[in-house]
Amino acid sequence: MQEISCEELLQHLSDYIDNNLDEELTAVAQHHLATCPNCRIVLNSTQKTITLFREQGKRTIPAERRDRLFNQLQAAFLTGRETIS
C-alpha cells in the first residue's frame, strides 16, 4: 500500500473530512491515521472545530443588541473616515 507523510495527509485533510477523495487516497489516508496519533489528533480537533462552528452559527443575536452593534460599527467607520480625510 502506498504511504503518505503527515504533511501530505494535512494537504488532503479537508477533502478527507468532506469525503471528496478517491477510494485509493481515502484508504491511504485511513491507514496513515490508524498509525499516526498526531494526525489523528489534528483530524479530531479539526472535526470538533467544524462542529462547534456549525452549532455556533445556529445562534442569533437579539434585534436590540444587533442594532446597537451596527450603530457602534457605523459610528466607528464614519469617525475613521473623517480622520482619514
Protein backbone atom coordinates (compact mmCIF):
# COMPACT_ATOMS: atom_id res chain seq x y z
CA MET A 1 0.00 0.00 0.00
CA GLN A 2 1.18 3.48 -0.85
CA GLU A 3 2.14 5.61 2.15
CA ILE A 4 1.91 9.34 2.69
CA SER A 5 3.65 11.69 5.08
CA CYS A 6 1.93 13.75 7.74
CA GLU A 7 2.41 16.84 5.57
CA GLU A 8 0.75 15.16 2.59
CA LEU A 9 -2.15 14.00 4.76
CA LEU A 10 -2.69 17.54 6.02
CA GLN A 11 -2.86 18.78 2.43
CA HIS A 12 -5.76 16.38 1.84
CA LEU A 13 -7.42 16.67 5.26
CA SER A 14 -10.27 18.94 4.17
CA ASP A 15 -11.14 16.67 1.26
CA TYR A 16 -10.86 13.63 3.56
CA ILE A 17 -13.30 15.16 6.04
CA ASP A 18 -15.70 16.05 3.20
CA ASN A 19 -15.39 12.55 1.67
CA ASN A 20 -14.03 14.03 -1.55
CA LEU A 21 -11.02 11.73 -2.01
CA ASP A 22 -10.91 8.82 -4.42
CA GLU A 23 -11.00 5.32 -2.92
CA GLU A 24 -7.26 4.74 -3.12
CA LEU A 25 -6.30 8.01 -1.43
CA THR A 26 -9.00 7.50 1.20
CA ALA A 27 -7.55 4.08 2.03
CA VAL A 28 -4.03 5.53 2.21
CA ALA A 29 -5.24 8.34 4.49
CA GLN A 30 -7.10 5.90 6.74
CA HIS A 31 -4.02 3.72 7.01
CA HIS A 32 -1.90 6.74 7.95
CA LEU A 33 -4.46 7.89 10.52
CA ALA A 34 -4.53 4.39 12.03
CA THR A 35 -0.78 4.52 12.61
CA CYS A 36 -0.15 8.20 13.39
CA PRO A 37 -1.51 9.54 16.68
CA ASN A 38 -0.52 13.13 15.86
CA CYS A 39 -2.55 13.19 12.65
CA ARG A 40 -5.50 11.59 14.46
CA ILE A 41 -5.35 14.46 16.97
CA VAL A 42 -5.32 17.01 14.14
CA LEU A 43 -8.24 15.26 12.44
CA ASN A 44 -10.28 15.05 15.65
CA SER A 45 -9.54 18.68 16.55
CA THR A 46 -10.49 19.86 13.08
CA GLN A 47 -13.75 17.90 13.12
CA LYS A 48 -14.63 19.26 16.57
CA THR A 49 -13.88 22.80 15.41
CA ILE A 50 -16.17 22.35 12.41
CA THR A 51 -18.93 21.00 14.66
CA LEU A 52 -18.59 23.88 17.12
CA PHE A 53 -18.63 26.41 14.28
CA ARG A 54 -21.80 24.90 12.82
CA GLU A 55 -23.51 24.89 16.22
CA GLN A 56 -22.42 28.48 16.85
CA GLY A 57 -23.96 29.54 13.55
CA LYS A 58 -27.38 28.47 14.79
CA ARG A 59 -27.38 31.22 17.42
CA THR A 60 -28.92 34.58 16.64
CA ILE A 61 -28.21 37.98 18.12
CA PRO A 62 -31.27 39.67 19.63
CA ALA A 63 -32.50 42.54 17.44
CA GLU A 64 -31.80 45.26 20.01
CA ARG A 65 -28.25 44.06 20.54
CA ARG A 66 -27.67 43.68 16.79
CA ASP A 67 -28.93 47.23 16.14
CA ARG A 68 -26.71 48.64 18.89
CA LEU A 69 -23.68 46.81 17.47
CA PHE A 70 -24.45 48.02 13.95
CA ASN A 71 -24.76 51.61 15.17
CA GLN A 72 -21.44 51.36 17.02
CA LEU A 73 -19.72 49.94 13.93
CA GLN A 74 -21.23 52.60 11.70
CA ALA A 75 -20.16 55.40 14.10
CA ALA A 76 -16.62 53.98 14.28
CA PHE A 77 -16.46 53.72 10.49
CA LEU A 78 -17.69 57.27 9.97
CA THR A 79 -15.28 58.62 12.60
CA GLY A 80 -12.44 56.78 10.92
CA ARG A 81 -13.36 58.24 7.52
CA GLU A 82 -13.38 61.77 8.90
CA THR A 83 -9.95 61.24 10.43
CA ILE A 84 -8.51 59.95 7.16
CA SER A 85 -9.79 62.87 5.05
